Full PDB file with SEQRES, HELIX, SHEET, SSBOND, CRYST1, ORIGX, SCALE, CONECT and MASTER records, all heavy atoms in Angstrom:
SEQRES   1 A   45  ALA PHE GLU GLY GLU VAL THR GLY ARG VAL MET GLY VAL          
SEQRES   2 A   45  ASN ALA SER ASP ILE GLY VAL VAL SER VAL ASP GLY ASP          
SEQRES   3 A   45  VAL PHE VAL GLU VAL PRO VAL LEU GLY TRP GLN THR TYR          
SEQRES   4 A   45  ASP PRO THR GLU PHE CYS                                      
HELIX    1 AA1 PRO A   41  PHE A   44  5                                   4    
SHEET    1 AA1 4 PHE A   2  VAL A  10  0                                        
SHEET    2 AA1 4 VAL A  13  VAL A  23 -1                                        
SHEET    3 AA1 4 ASP A  26  VAL A  31 -1                                        
SHEET    4 AA1 4 GLY A  35  TYR A  39 -1                                        
CRYST1    1.000    1.000    1.000  90.00  90.00  90.00 P 1           1          
ORIGX1      1.000000  0.000000  0.000000        0.00000                         
ORIGX2      0.000000  1.000000  0.000000        0.00000                         
ORIGX3      0.000000  0.000000  1.000000        0.00000                         
SCALE1      1.000000  0.000000  0.000000        0.00000                         
SCALE2      0.000000  1.000000  0.000000        0.00000                         
SCALE3      0.000000  0.000000  1.000000        0.00000                         
ATOM      1  N   ALA A   1       0.834  -1.189  -0.001  1.00  0.00           N  
ATOM      2  CA  ALA A   1       0.023  -0.037  -0.047  1.00  0.00           C  
ATOM      3  C   ALA A   1       0.922   1.206   0.017  1.00  0.00           C  
ATOM      4  O   ALA A   1       1.997   1.276   0.367  1.00  0.00           O  
ATOM      5  CB  ALA A   1      -0.907  -0.018   1.251  1.00  0.00           C  
ATOM      6  N   PHE A   2       0.320   2.346  -0.466  1.00  0.00           N  
ATOM      7  CA  PHE A   2       1.039   3.641  -0.411  1.00  0.00           C  
ATOM      8  C   PHE A   2       0.019   4.686  -0.144  1.00  0.00           C  
ATOM      9  O   PHE A   2      -1.125   4.710  -0.564  1.00  0.00           O  
ATOM     10  CB  PHE A   2       1.622   3.955  -1.875  1.00  0.00           C  
ATOM     11  CG  PHE A   2       2.176   5.292  -1.929  1.00  0.00           C  
ATOM     12  CD1 PHE A   2       3.481   5.556  -1.559  1.00  0.00           C  
ATOM     13  CD2 PHE A   2       1.456   6.354  -2.433  1.00  0.00           C  
ATOM     14  CE1 PHE A   2       3.983   6.759  -1.624  1.00  0.00           C  
ATOM     15  CE2 PHE A   2       2.005   7.624  -2.584  1.00  0.00           C  
ATOM     16  CZ  PHE A   2       3.298   7.898  -2.152  1.00  0.00           C  
ATOM     17  N   GLU A   3       0.490   5.732   0.598  1.00  0.00           N  
ATOM     18  CA  GLU A   3      -0.301   6.902   0.915  1.00  0.00           C  
ATOM     19  C   GLU A   3       0.614   8.066   1.003  1.00  0.00           C  
ATOM     20  O   GLU A   3       1.570   8.069   1.748  1.00  0.00           O  
ATOM     21  CB  GLU A   3      -1.083   6.776   2.156  1.00  0.00           C  
ATOM     22  CG  GLU A   3      -2.005   7.925   2.583  1.00  0.00           C  
ATOM     23  CD  GLU A   3      -2.780   7.645   3.817  1.00  0.00           C  
ATOM     24  OE1 GLU A   3      -2.139   7.382   4.849  1.00  0.00           O  
ATOM     25  OE2 GLU A   3      -4.024   7.672   3.744  1.00  0.00           O  
ATOM     26  N   GLY A   4       0.332   9.200   0.258  1.00  0.00           N  
ATOM     27  CA  GLY A   4       1.169  10.291   0.305  1.00  0.00           C  
ATOM     28  C   GLY A   4       0.676  11.481  -0.478  1.00  0.00           C  
ATOM     29  O   GLY A   4      -0.435  11.517  -0.933  1.00  0.00           O  
ATOM     30  N   GLU A   5       1.560  12.522  -0.540  1.00  0.00           N  
ATOM     31  CA  GLU A   5       1.221  13.783  -1.310  1.00  0.00           C  
ATOM     32  C   GLU A   5       2.330  14.083  -2.243  1.00  0.00           C  
ATOM     33  O   GLU A   5       3.509  13.881  -1.914  1.00  0.00           O  
ATOM     34  CB  GLU A   5       0.901  14.825  -0.407  1.00  0.00           C  
ATOM     35  CG  GLU A   5      -0.327  14.656   0.481  1.00  0.00           C  
ATOM     36  CD  GLU A   5      -0.616  15.774   1.403  1.00  0.00           C  
ATOM     37  OE1 GLU A   5       0.266  16.613   1.669  1.00  0.00           O  
ATOM     38  OE2 GLU A   5      -1.741  15.957   1.804  1.00  0.00           O  
ATOM     39  N   VAL A   6       2.021  14.782  -3.323  1.00  0.00           N  
ATOM     40  CA  VAL A   6       3.077  15.176  -4.294  1.00  0.00           C  
ATOM     41  C   VAL A   6       2.894  16.694  -4.579  1.00  0.00           C  
ATOM     42  O   VAL A   6       1.729  17.159  -4.510  1.00  0.00           O  
ATOM     43  CB  VAL A   6       3.176  14.387  -5.485  1.00  0.00           C  
ATOM     44  CG1 VAL A   6       3.496  12.893  -5.259  1.00  0.00           C  
ATOM     45  CG2 VAL A   6       1.871  14.473  -6.344  1.00  0.00           C  
ATOM     46  N   THR A   7       4.010  17.384  -4.911  1.00  0.00           N  
ATOM     47  CA  THR A   7       3.915  18.764  -5.379  1.00  0.00           C  
ATOM     48  C   THR A   7       4.784  18.809  -6.597  1.00  0.00           C  
ATOM     49  O   THR A   7       5.851  18.359  -6.731  1.00  0.00           O  
ATOM     50  CB  THR A   7       4.473  19.761  -4.245  1.00  0.00           C  
ATOM     51  OG1 THR A   7       3.678  19.599  -3.090  1.00  0.00           O  
ATOM     52  CG2 THR A   7       4.513  21.203  -4.633  1.00  0.00           C  
ATOM     53  N   GLY A   8       4.335  19.667  -7.516  1.00  0.00           N  
ATOM     54  CA  GLY A   8       5.059  19.905  -8.815  1.00  0.00           C  
ATOM     55  C   GLY A   8       4.360  20.869  -9.773  1.00  0.00           C  
ATOM     56  O   GLY A   8       3.558  21.694  -9.282  1.00  0.00           O  
ATOM     57  N   ARG A   9       4.686  20.716 -11.004  1.00  0.00           N  
ATOM     58  CA  ARG A   9       4.130  21.590 -11.980  1.00  0.00           C  
ATOM     59  C   ARG A   9       3.256  20.685 -12.891  1.00  0.00           C  
ATOM     60  O   ARG A   9       3.694  19.747 -13.497  1.00  0.00           O  
ATOM     61  CB  ARG A   9       5.163  22.308 -12.835  1.00  0.00           C  
ATOM     62  CG  ARG A   9       4.632  23.376 -13.779  1.00  0.00           C  
ATOM     63  CD  ARG A   9       5.750  24.352 -14.239  1.00  0.00           C  
ATOM     64  NE  ARG A   9       6.769  23.504 -14.996  1.00  0.00           N  
ATOM     65  CZ  ARG A   9       8.035  23.901 -14.975  1.00  0.00           C  
ATOM     66  NH1 ARG A   9       8.460  24.958 -14.300  1.00  0.00           N  
ATOM     67  NH2 ARG A   9       8.848  23.221 -15.711  1.00  0.00           N  
ATOM     68  N   VAL A  10       2.003  21.043 -12.969  1.00  0.00           N  
ATOM     69  CA  VAL A  10       0.990  20.316 -13.770  1.00  0.00           C  
ATOM     70  C   VAL A  10       0.279  21.232 -14.795  1.00  0.00           C  
ATOM     71  O   VAL A  10      -0.229  22.241 -14.448  1.00  0.00           O  
ATOM     72  CB  VAL A  10      -0.152  19.637 -12.826  1.00  0.00           C  
ATOM     73  CG1 VAL A  10      -1.099  18.915 -13.648  1.00  0.00           C  
ATOM     74  CG2 VAL A  10       0.503  18.834 -11.781  1.00  0.00           C  
ATOM     75  N   MET A  11       0.416  20.882 -16.019  1.00  0.00           N  
ATOM     76  CA  MET A  11      -0.158  21.597 -17.218  1.00  0.00           C  
ATOM     77  C   MET A  11       0.342  23.074 -17.067  1.00  0.00           C  
ATOM     78  O   MET A  11      -0.348  24.007 -17.287  1.00  0.00           O  
ATOM     79  CB  MET A  11      -1.661  21.620 -17.084  1.00  0.00           C  
ATOM     80  CG  MET A  11      -2.206  20.228 -17.349  1.00  0.00           C  
ATOM     81  SD  MET A  11      -4.039  20.273 -17.343  1.00  0.00           S  
ATOM     82  CE  MET A  11      -4.361  21.172 -18.871  1.00  0.00           C  
ATOM     83  N   GLY A  12       1.622  23.193 -16.733  1.00  0.00           N  
ATOM     84  CA  GLY A  12       2.282  24.539 -16.636  1.00  0.00           C  
ATOM     85  C   GLY A  12       1.940  25.330 -15.359  1.00  0.00           C  
ATOM     86  O   GLY A  12       2.456  26.438 -15.202  1.00  0.00           O  
ATOM     87  N   VAL A  13       1.103  24.734 -14.509  1.00  0.00           N  
ATOM     88  CA  VAL A  13       0.671  25.483 -13.222  1.00  0.00           C  
ATOM     89  C   VAL A  13       1.244  24.729 -12.011  1.00  0.00           C  
ATOM     90  O   VAL A  13       1.132  23.549 -11.994  1.00  0.00           O  
ATOM     91  CB  VAL A  13      -0.832  25.535 -13.262  1.00  0.00           C  
ATOM     92  CG1 VAL A  13      -1.240  26.262 -11.942  1.00  0.00           C  
ATOM     93  CG2 VAL A  13      -1.382  26.267 -14.430  1.00  0.00           C  
ATOM     94  N   ASN A  14       1.745  25.439 -11.146  1.00  0.00           N  
ATOM     95  CA  ASN A  14       2.186  24.815  -9.850  1.00  0.00           C  
ATOM     96  C   ASN A  14       1.088  24.193  -9.151  1.00  0.00           C  
ATOM     97  O   ASN A  14       0.064  24.880  -8.897  1.00  0.00           O  
ATOM     98  CB  ASN A  14       2.945  25.835  -8.977  1.00  0.00           C  
ATOM     99  CG  ASN A  14       4.243  26.255  -9.558  1.00  0.00           C  
ATOM    100  OD1 ASN A  14       4.861  25.534 -10.278  1.00  0.00           O  
ATOM    101  ND2 ASN A  14       4.752  27.425  -9.219  1.00  0.00           N  
ATOM    102  N   ALA A  15       1.189  23.000  -8.590  1.00  0.00           N  
ATOM    103  CA  ALA A  15       0.208  22.276  -7.868  1.00  0.00           C  
ATOM    104  C   ALA A  15       0.891  21.670  -6.670  1.00  0.00           C  
ATOM    105  O   ALA A  15       1.967  21.193  -6.651  1.00  0.00           O  
ATOM    106  CB  ALA A  15      -0.456  21.212  -8.715  1.00  0.00           C  
ATOM    107  N   SER A  16       0.240  21.672  -5.481  1.00  0.00           N  
ATOM    108  CA  SER A  16       0.801  21.236  -4.227  1.00  0.00           C  
ATOM    109  C   SER A  16      -0.190  20.340  -3.465  1.00  0.00           C  
ATOM    110  O   SER A  16      -1.436  20.429  -3.652  1.00  0.00           O  
ATOM    111  CB  SER A  16       1.214  22.344  -3.356  1.00  0.00           C  
ATOM    112  OG  SER A  16       0.098  23.200  -3.028  1.00  0.00           O  
ATOM    113  N   ASP A  17       0.387  19.422  -2.657  1.00  0.00           N  
ATOM    114  CA  ASP A  17      -0.325  18.632  -1.824  1.00  0.00           C  
ATOM    115  C   ASP A  17      -1.434  17.765  -2.414  1.00  0.00           C  
ATOM    116  O   ASP A  17      -2.568  17.756  -2.083  1.00  0.00           O  
ATOM    117  CB  ASP A  17      -1.108  19.434  -0.687  1.00  0.00           C  
ATOM    118  CG  ASP A  17       0.030  20.230   0.143  1.00  0.00           C  
ATOM    119  OD1 ASP A  17       1.138  19.734   0.298  1.00  0.00           O  
ATOM    120  OD2 ASP A  17      -0.332  21.320   0.562  1.00  0.00           O  
ATOM    121  N   ILE A  18      -0.981  17.102  -3.612  1.00  0.00           N  
ATOM    122  CA  ILE A  18      -1.881  16.259  -4.442  1.00  0.00           C  
ATOM    123  C   ILE A  18      -1.850  14.886  -3.758  1.00  0.00           C  
ATOM    124  O   ILE A  18      -0.844  14.244  -3.701  1.00  0.00           O  
ATOM    125  CB  ILE A  18      -1.532  16.246  -5.821  1.00  0.00           C  
ATOM    126  CG1 ILE A  18      -1.668  17.710  -6.504  1.00  0.00           C  
ATOM    127  CG2 ILE A  18      -2.447  15.249  -6.524  1.00  0.00           C  
ATOM    128  CD1 ILE A  18      -1.128  17.749  -7.879  1.00  0.00           C  
ATOM    129  N   GLY A  19      -3.017  14.384  -3.309  1.00  0.00           N  
ATOM    130  CA  GLY A  19      -3.009  13.148  -2.575  1.00  0.00           C  
ATOM    131  C   GLY A  19      -2.855  11.883  -3.581  1.00  0.00           C  
ATOM    132  O   GLY A  19      -3.463  11.952  -4.675  1.00  0.00           O  
ATOM    133  N   VAL A  20      -2.188  10.974  -3.108  1.00  0.00           N  
ATOM    134  CA  VAL A  20      -2.052   9.709  -3.847  1.00  0.00           C  
ATOM    135  C   VAL A  20      -2.263   8.539  -2.949  1.00  0.00           C  
ATOM    136  O   VAL A  20      -1.507   8.492  -1.894  1.00  0.00           O  
ATOM    137  CB  VAL A  20      -0.757   9.610  -4.621  1.00  0.00           C  
ATOM    138  CG1 VAL A  20      -0.637   8.247  -5.327  1.00  0.00           C  
ATOM    139  CG2 VAL A  20      -0.547  10.751  -5.637  1.00  0.00           C  
ATOM    140  N   VAL A  21      -3.118   7.527  -3.195  1.00  0.00           N  
ATOM    141  CA  VAL A  21      -3.286   6.407  -2.371  1.00  0.00           C  
ATOM    142  C   VAL A  21      -3.359   5.089  -3.214  1.00  0.00           C  
ATOM    143  O   VAL A  21      -3.934   5.103  -4.403  1.00  0.00           O  
ATOM    144  CB  VAL A  21      -4.563   6.513  -1.568  1.00  0.00           C  
ATOM    145  CG1 VAL A  21      -4.861   5.174  -0.825  1.00  0.00           C  
ATOM    146  CG2 VAL A  21      -4.494   7.637  -0.530  1.00  0.00           C  
ATOM    147  N   SER A  22      -2.651   4.012  -2.873  1.00  0.00           N  
ATOM    148  CA  SER A  22      -2.744   2.867  -3.605  1.00  0.00           C  
ATOM    149  C   SER A  22      -2.991   1.672  -2.606  1.00  0.00           C  
ATOM    150  O   SER A  22      -2.254   1.467  -1.706  1.00  0.00           O  
ATOM    151  CB  SER A  22      -1.440   2.542  -4.333  1.00  0.00           C  
ATOM    152  OG  SER A  22      -1.479   1.274  -4.946  1.00  0.00           O  
ATOM    153  N   VAL A  23      -4.064   0.977  -2.808  1.00  0.00           N  
ATOM    154  CA  VAL A  23      -4.400  -0.175  -1.986  1.00  0.00           C  
ATOM    155  C   VAL A  23      -5.114  -1.222  -2.866  1.00  0.00           C  
ATOM    156  O   VAL A  23      -5.788  -0.951  -3.793  1.00  0.00           O  
ATOM    157  CB  VAL A  23      -5.330   0.214  -0.795  1.00  0.00           C  
ATOM    158  CG1 VAL A  23      -4.601   0.991   0.170  1.00  0.00           C  
ATOM    159  CG2 VAL A  23      -6.674   0.868  -1.315  1.00  0.00           C  
ATOM    160  N   ASP A  24      -4.823  -2.536  -2.534  1.00  0.00           N  
ATOM    161  CA  ASP A  24      -5.497  -3.646  -3.281  1.00  0.00           C  
ATOM    162  C   ASP A  24      -5.358  -3.562  -4.759  1.00  0.00           C  
ATOM    163  O   ASP A  24      -6.390  -3.910  -5.496  1.00  0.00           O  
ATOM    164  CB  ASP A  24      -6.951  -3.712  -2.842  1.00  0.00           C  
ATOM    165  CG  ASP A  24      -7.132  -4.062  -1.366  1.00  0.00           C  
ATOM    166  OD1 ASP A  24      -6.261  -4.710  -0.841  1.00  0.00           O  
ATOM    167  OD2 ASP A  24      -8.097  -3.453  -0.761  1.00  0.00           O  
ATOM    168  N   GLY A  25      -4.319  -3.023  -5.306  1.00  0.00           N  
ATOM    169  CA  GLY A  25      -4.098  -2.939  -6.672  1.00  0.00           C  
ATOM    170  C   GLY A  25      -4.783  -1.715  -7.396  1.00  0.00           C  
ATOM    171  O   GLY A  25      -4.628  -1.590  -8.625  1.00  0.00           O  
ATOM    172  N   ASP A  26      -5.428  -0.931  -6.643  1.00  0.00           N  
ATOM    173  CA  ASP A  26      -6.088   0.262  -7.193  1.00  0.00           C  
ATOM    174  C   ASP A  26      -5.311   1.507  -6.733  1.00  0.00           C  
ATOM    175  O   ASP A  26      -4.928   1.667  -5.588  1.00  0.00           O  
ATOM    176  CB  ASP A  26      -7.519   0.389  -6.721  1.00  0.00           C  
ATOM    177  CG  ASP A  26      -8.503  -0.695  -7.213  1.00  0.00           C  
ATOM    178  OD1 ASP A  26      -8.277  -1.040  -8.415  1.00  0.00           O  
ATOM    179  OD2 ASP A  26      -9.330  -1.149  -6.507  1.00  0.00           O  
ATOM    180  N   VAL A  27      -5.147   2.485  -7.723  1.00  0.00           N  
ATOM    181  CA  VAL A  27      -4.320   3.689  -7.441  1.00  0.00           C  
ATOM    182  C   VAL A  27      -5.309   4.820  -7.595  1.00  0.00           C  
ATOM    183  O   VAL A  27      -5.953   4.990  -8.590  1.00  0.00           O  
ATOM    184  CB  VAL A  27      -3.168   3.779  -8.480  1.00  0.00           C  
ATOM    185  CG1 VAL A  27      -2.437   5.122  -8.149  1.00  0.00           C  
ATOM    186  CG2 VAL A  27      -2.186   2.641  -8.329  1.00  0.00           C  
ATOM    187  N   PHE A  28      -5.286   5.705  -6.602  1.00  0.00           N  
ATOM    188  CA  PHE A  28      -6.274   6.785  -6.600  1.00  0.00           C  
ATOM    189  C   PHE A  28      -5.419   8.106  -6.522  1.00  0.00           C  
ATOM    190  O   PHE A  28      -4.414   8.266  -5.799  1.00  0.00           O  
ATOM    191  CB  PHE A  28      -7.118   6.787  -5.288  1.00  0.00           C  
ATOM    192  CG  PHE A  28      -7.860   5.560  -5.037  1.00  0.00           C  
ATOM    193  CD1 PHE A  28      -7.314   4.361  -4.446  1.00  0.00           C  
ATOM    194  CD2 PHE A  28      -9.177   5.427  -5.600  1.00  0.00           C  
ATOM    195  CE1 PHE A  28      -8.055   3.232  -4.348  1.00  0.00           C  
ATOM    196  CE2 PHE A  28      -9.961   4.311  -5.447  1.00  0.00           C  
ATOM    197  CZ  PHE A  28      -9.366   3.163  -4.766  1.00  0.00           C  
ATOM    198  N   VAL A  29      -5.851   9.126  -7.301  1.00  0.00           N  
ATOM    199  CA  VAL A  29      -5.225  10.374  -7.399  1.00  0.00           C  
ATOM    200  C   VAL A  29      -6.238  11.483  -7.071  1.00  0.00           C  
ATOM    201  O   VAL A  29      -7.337  11.444  -7.604  1.00  0.00           O  
ATOM    202  CB  VAL A  29      -4.578  10.718  -8.719  1.00  0.00           C  
ATOM    203  CG1 VAL A  29      -4.024  12.127  -8.782  1.00  0.00           C  
ATOM    204  CG2 VAL A  29      -3.484   9.688  -9.023  1.00  0.00           C  
ATOM    205  N   GLU A  30      -5.922  12.335  -6.105  1.00  0.00           N  
ATOM    206  CA  GLU A  30      -6.847  13.393  -5.775  1.00  0.00           C  
ATOM    207  C   GLU A  30      -6.799  14.510  -6.772  1.00  0.00           C  
ATOM    208  O   GLU A  30      -5.959  15.435  -6.525  1.00  0.00           O  
ATOM    209  CB  GLU A  30      -6.589  13.885  -4.346  1.00  0.00           C  
ATOM    210  CG  GLU A  30      -7.694  14.779  -3.762  1.00  0.00           C  
ATOM    211  CD  GLU A  30      -7.435  15.113  -2.288  1.00  0.00           C  
ATOM    212  OE1 GLU A  30      -6.335  14.990  -1.845  1.00  0.00           O  
ATOM    213  OE2 GLU A  30      -8.419  15.555  -1.734  1.00  0.00           O  
ATOM    214  N   VAL A  31      -7.555  14.540  -7.772  1.00  0.00           N  
ATOM    215  CA  VAL A  31      -7.473  15.523  -8.826  1.00  0.00           C  
ATOM    216  C   VAL A  31      -8.256  16.701  -8.413  1.00  0.00           C  
ATOM    217  O   VAL A  31      -9.402  16.649  -7.957  1.00  0.00           O  
ATOM    218  CB  VAL A  31      -8.112  14.939 -10.167  1.00  0.00           C  
ATOM    219  CG1 VAL A  31      -8.073  15.940 -11.322  1.00  0.00           C  
ATOM    220  CG2 VAL A  31      -7.421  13.643 -10.590  1.00  0.00           C  
ATOM    221  N   PRO A  32      -7.640  17.973  -8.570  1.00  0.00           N  
ATOM    222  CA  PRO A  32      -8.339  19.142  -8.164  1.00  0.00           C  
ATOM    223  C   PRO A  32      -9.733  19.207  -8.877  1.00  0.00           C  
ATOM    224  O   PRO A  32      -9.863  18.971 -10.037  1.00  0.00           O  
ATOM    225  CB  PRO A  32      -7.306  20.284  -8.665  1.00  0.00           C  
ATOM    226  CG  PRO A  32      -5.994  19.651  -8.683  1.00  0.00           C  
ATOM    227  CD  PRO A  32      -6.261  18.248  -8.972  1.00  0.00           C  
ATOM    228  N   VAL A  33     -10.707  19.715  -8.092  1.00  0.00           N  
ATOM    229  CA  VAL A  33     -12.042  19.908  -8.549  1.00  0.00           C  
ATOM    230  C   VAL A  33     -12.888  18.574  -8.693  1.00  0.00           C  
ATOM    231  O   VAL A  33     -13.961  18.412  -8.146  1.00  0.00           O  
ATOM    232  CB  VAL A  33     -12.131  20.606  -9.892  1.00  0.00           C  
ATOM    233  CG1 VAL A  33     -13.569  20.818 -10.345  1.00  0.00           C  
ATOM    234  CG2 VAL A  33     -11.425  21.978  -9.841  1.00  0.00           C  
ATOM    235  N   LEU A  34     -12.193  17.568  -9.307  1.00  0.00           N  
ATOM    236  CA  LEU A  34     -12.871  16.282  -9.520  1.00  0.00           C  
ATOM    237  C   LEU A  34     -12.858  15.386  -8.300  1.00  0.00           C  
ATOM    238  O   LEU A  34     -13.667  14.446  -8.217  1.00  0.00           O  
ATOM    239  CB  LEU A  34     -12.232  15.581 -10.705  1.00  0.00           C  
ATOM    240  CG  LEU A  34     -12.378  16.275 -12.062  1.00  0.00           C  
ATOM    241  CD1 LEU A  34     -11.786  15.356 -13.127  1.00  0.00           C  
ATOM    242  CD2 LEU A  34     -13.863  16.457 -12.387  1.00  0.00           C  
ATOM    243  N   GLY A  35     -11.872  15.600  -7.386  1.00  0.00           N  
ATOM    244  CA  GLY A  35     -11.782  14.627  -6.277  1.00  0.00           C  
ATOM    245  C   GLY A  35     -10.927  13.446  -6.670  1.00  0.00           C  
ATOM    246  O   GLY A  35     -10.185  13.459  -7.566  1.00  0.00           O  
ATOM    247  N   TRP A  36     -11.144  12.404  -5.788  1.00  0.00           N  
ATOM    248  CA  TRP A  36     -10.389  11.189  -5.984  1.00  0.00           C  
ATOM    249  C   TRP A  36     -10.816  10.444  -7.263  1.00  0.00           C  
ATOM    250  O   TRP A  36     -11.984  10.153  -7.485  1.00  0.00           O  
ATOM    251  CB  TRP A  36     -10.552  10.235  -4.806  1.00  0.00           C  
ATOM    252  CG  TRP A  36      -9.929  10.717  -3.555  1.00  0.00           C  
ATOM    253  CD1 TRP A  36     -10.505  11.467  -2.521  1.00  0.00           C  
ATOM    254  CD2 TRP A  36      -8.541  10.632  -3.209  1.00  0.00           C  
ATOM    255  NE1 TRP A  36      -9.579  11.695  -1.593  1.00  0.00           N  
ATOM    256  CE2 TRP A  36      -8.330  11.312  -1.927  1.00  0.00           C  
ATOM    257  CE3 TRP A  36      -7.412  10.169  -3.939  1.00  0.00           C  
ATOM    258  CZ2 TRP A  36      -7.094  11.358  -1.368  1.00  0.00           C  
ATOM    259  CZ3 TRP A  36      -6.150  10.169  -3.283  1.00  0.00           C  
ATOM    260  CH2 TRP A  36      -6.030  10.807  -2.031  1.00  0.00           C  
ATOM    261  N   GLN A  37      -9.736  10.090  -8.027  1.00  0.00           N  
ATOM    262  CA  GLN A  37     -10.031   9.400  -9.333  1.00  0.00           C  
ATOM    263  C   GLN A  37      -9.126   8.238  -9.366  1.00  0.00           C  
ATOM    264  O   GLN A  37      -7.939   8.266  -8.832  1.00  0.00           O  
ATOM    265  CB  GLN A  37      -9.772  10.314 -10.558  1.00  0.00           C  
ATOM    266  CG  GLN A  37     -10.458  11.585 -10.543  1.00  0.00           C  
ATOM    267  CD  GLN A  37     -12.015  11.304 -10.854  1.00  0.00           C  
ATOM    268  OE1 GLN A  37     -12.369  10.674 -11.759  1.00  0.00           O  
ATOM    269  NE2 GLN A  37     -12.856  11.994 -10.024  1.00  0.00           N  
ATOM    270  N   THR A  38      -9.638   7.055  -9.967  1.00  0.00           N  
ATOM    271  CA  THR A  38      -8.642   5.922 -10.152  1.00  0.00           C  
ATOM    272  C   THR A  38      -8.039   5.867 -11.505  1.00  0.00           C  
ATOM    273  O   THR A  38      -8.494   6.638 -12.439  1.00  0.00           O  
ATOM    274  CB  THR A  38      -9.465   4.564 -10.041  1.00  0.00           C  
ATOM    275  OG1 THR A  38     -10.462   4.567 -11.029  1.00  0.00           O  
ATOM    276  CG2 THR A  38     -10.171   4.450  -8.681  1.00  0.00           C  
ATOM    277  N   TYR A  39      -6.827   5.287 -11.613  1.00  0.00           N  
ATOM    278  CA  TYR A  39      -6.121   5.222 -12.952  1.00  0.00           C  
ATOM    279  C   TYR A  39      -5.265   3.994 -13.000  1.00  0.00           C  
ATOM    280  O   TYR A  39      -4.870   3.451 -11.914  1.00  0.00           O  
ATOM    281  CB  TYR A  39      -5.298   6.525 -13.145  1.00  0.00           C  
ATOM    282  CG  TYR A  39      -3.993   6.586 -12.477  1.00  0.00           C  
ATOM    283  CD1 TYR A  39      -2.837   6.063 -13.072  1.00  0.00           C  
ATOM    284  CD2 TYR A  39      -3.897   7.103 -11.073  1.00  0.00           C  
ATOM    285  CE1 TYR A  39      -1.604   6.174 -12.419  1.00  0.00           C  
ATOM    286  CE2 TYR A  39      -2.634   7.131 -10.442  1.00  0.00           C  
ATOM    287  CZ  TYR A  39      -1.490   6.624 -11.122  1.00  0.00           C  
ATOM    288  OH  TYR A  39      -0.365   6.711 -10.506  1.00  0.00           O  
ATOM    289  N   ASP A  40      -4.990   3.596 -14.217  1.00  0.00           N  
ATOM    290  CA  ASP A  40      -4.186   2.398 -14.486  1.00  0.00           C  
ATOM    291  C   ASP A  40      -2.770   2.965 -14.671  1.00  0.00           C  
ATOM    292  O   ASP A  40      -2.475   3.573 -15.710  1.00  0.00           O  
ATOM    293  CB  ASP A  40      -4.632   1.715 -15.664  1.00  0.00           C  
ATOM    294  CG  ASP A  40      -3.739   0.472 -15.946  1.00  0.00           C  
ATOM    295  OD1 ASP A  40      -2.746   0.253 -15.274  1.00  0.00           O  
ATOM    296  OD2 ASP A  40      -4.119  -0.297 -16.987  1.00  0.00           O  
ATOM    297  N   PRO A  41      -1.823   2.731 -13.787  1.00  0.00           N  
ATOM    298  CA  PRO A  41      -0.381   3.295 -13.936  1.00  0.00           C  
ATOM    299  C   PRO A  41       0.286   2.887 -15.266  1.00  0.00           C  
ATOM    300  O   PRO A  41       1.072   3.643 -15.781  1.00  0.00           O  
ATOM    301  CB  PRO A  41       0.302   2.734 -12.701  1.00  0.00           C  
ATOM    302  CG  PRO A  41      -0.728   2.371 -11.784  1.00  0.00           C  
ATOM    303  CD  PRO A  41      -1.922   1.974 -12.606  1.00  0.00           C  
ATOM    304  N   THR A  42      -0.052   1.656 -15.756  1.00  0.00           N  
ATOM    305  CA  THR A  42       0.646   1.255 -16.948  1.00  0.00           C  
ATOM    306  C   THR A  42       0.325   2.031 -18.126  1.00  0.00           C  
ATOM    307  O   THR A  42       1.031   2.142 -19.131  1.00  0.00           O  
ATOM    308  CB  THR A  42       0.210  -0.264 -17.279  1.00  0.00           C  
ATOM    309  OG1 THR A  42      -1.161  -0.325 -17.489  1.00  0.00           O  
ATOM    310  CG2 THR A  42       0.614  -1.186 -16.088  1.00  0.00           C  
ATOM    311  N   GLU A  43      -0.803   2.772 -18.055  1.00  0.00           N  
ATOM    312  CA  GLU A  43      -1.142   3.645 -19.242  1.00  0.00           C  
ATOM    313  C   GLU A  43      -0.316   4.929 -19.258  1.00  0.00           C  
ATOM    314  O   GLU A  43      -0.267   5.655 -20.182  1.00  0.00           O  
ATOM    315  CB  GLU A  43      -2.626   4.142 -19.013  1.00  0.00           C  
ATOM    316  CG  GLU A  43      -3.611   2.924 -19.245  1.00  0.00           C  
ATOM    317  CD  GLU A  43      -5.073   3.495 -19.197  1.00  0.00           C  
ATOM    318  OE1 GLU A  43      -5.243   4.700 -19.062  1.00  0.00           O  
ATOM    319  OE2 GLU A  43      -5.973   2.527 -19.236  1.00  0.00           O  
ATOM    320  N   PHE A  44       0.436   5.234 -18.135  1.00  0.00           N  
ATOM    321  CA  PHE A  44       1.183   6.442 -18.041  1.00  0.00           C  
ATOM    322  C   PHE A  44       2.642   6.084 -17.764  1.00  0.00           C  
ATOM    323  O   PHE A  44       3.344   6.939 -17.194  1.00  0.00           O  
ATOM    324  CB  PHE A  44       0.616   7.337 -16.874  1.00  0.00           C  
ATOM    325  CG  PHE A  44      -0.830   7.527 -17.053  1.00  0.00           C  
ATOM    326  CD1 PHE A  44      -1.702   6.883 -16.182  1.00  0.00           C  
ATOM    327  CD2 PHE A  44      -1.360   8.360 -18.034  1.00  0.00           C  
ATOM    328  CE1 PHE A  44      -3.093   7.109 -16.337  1.00  0.00           C  
ATOM    329  CE2 PHE A  44      -2.665   8.509 -18.149  1.00  0.00           C  
ATOM    330  CZ  PHE A  44      -3.598   7.935 -17.307  1.00  0.00           C  
ATOM    331  N   CYS A  45       3.133   4.968 -18.116  1.00  0.00           N  
ATOM    332  CA  CYS A  45       4.466   4.612 -18.020  1.00  0.00           C  
ATOM    333  C   CYS A  45       4.964   4.726 -16.488  1.00  0.00           C  
ATOM    334  O   CYS A  45       6.067   5.177 -16.282  1.00  0.00           O  
ATOM    335  CB  CYS A  45       5.441   5.397 -18.784  1.00  0.00           C  
ATOM    336  SG  CYS A  45       5.182   5.161 -20.578  1.00  0.00           S  
TER     337      CYS A  45                                                      
MASTER        0    0    0    1    4    0    0    6  336    1    0    4          
END                                                                             
């Protein structure tokens, strides 16, 4: 499992404290406005 936050530049805009959680093979990213979204890591290298 993994739980944490990342900060960086997204779409040319600085973004901070973006939540990331991974449990039971599912990866969740806390996307601004949309909230928690799942994604398949293999699609993004």
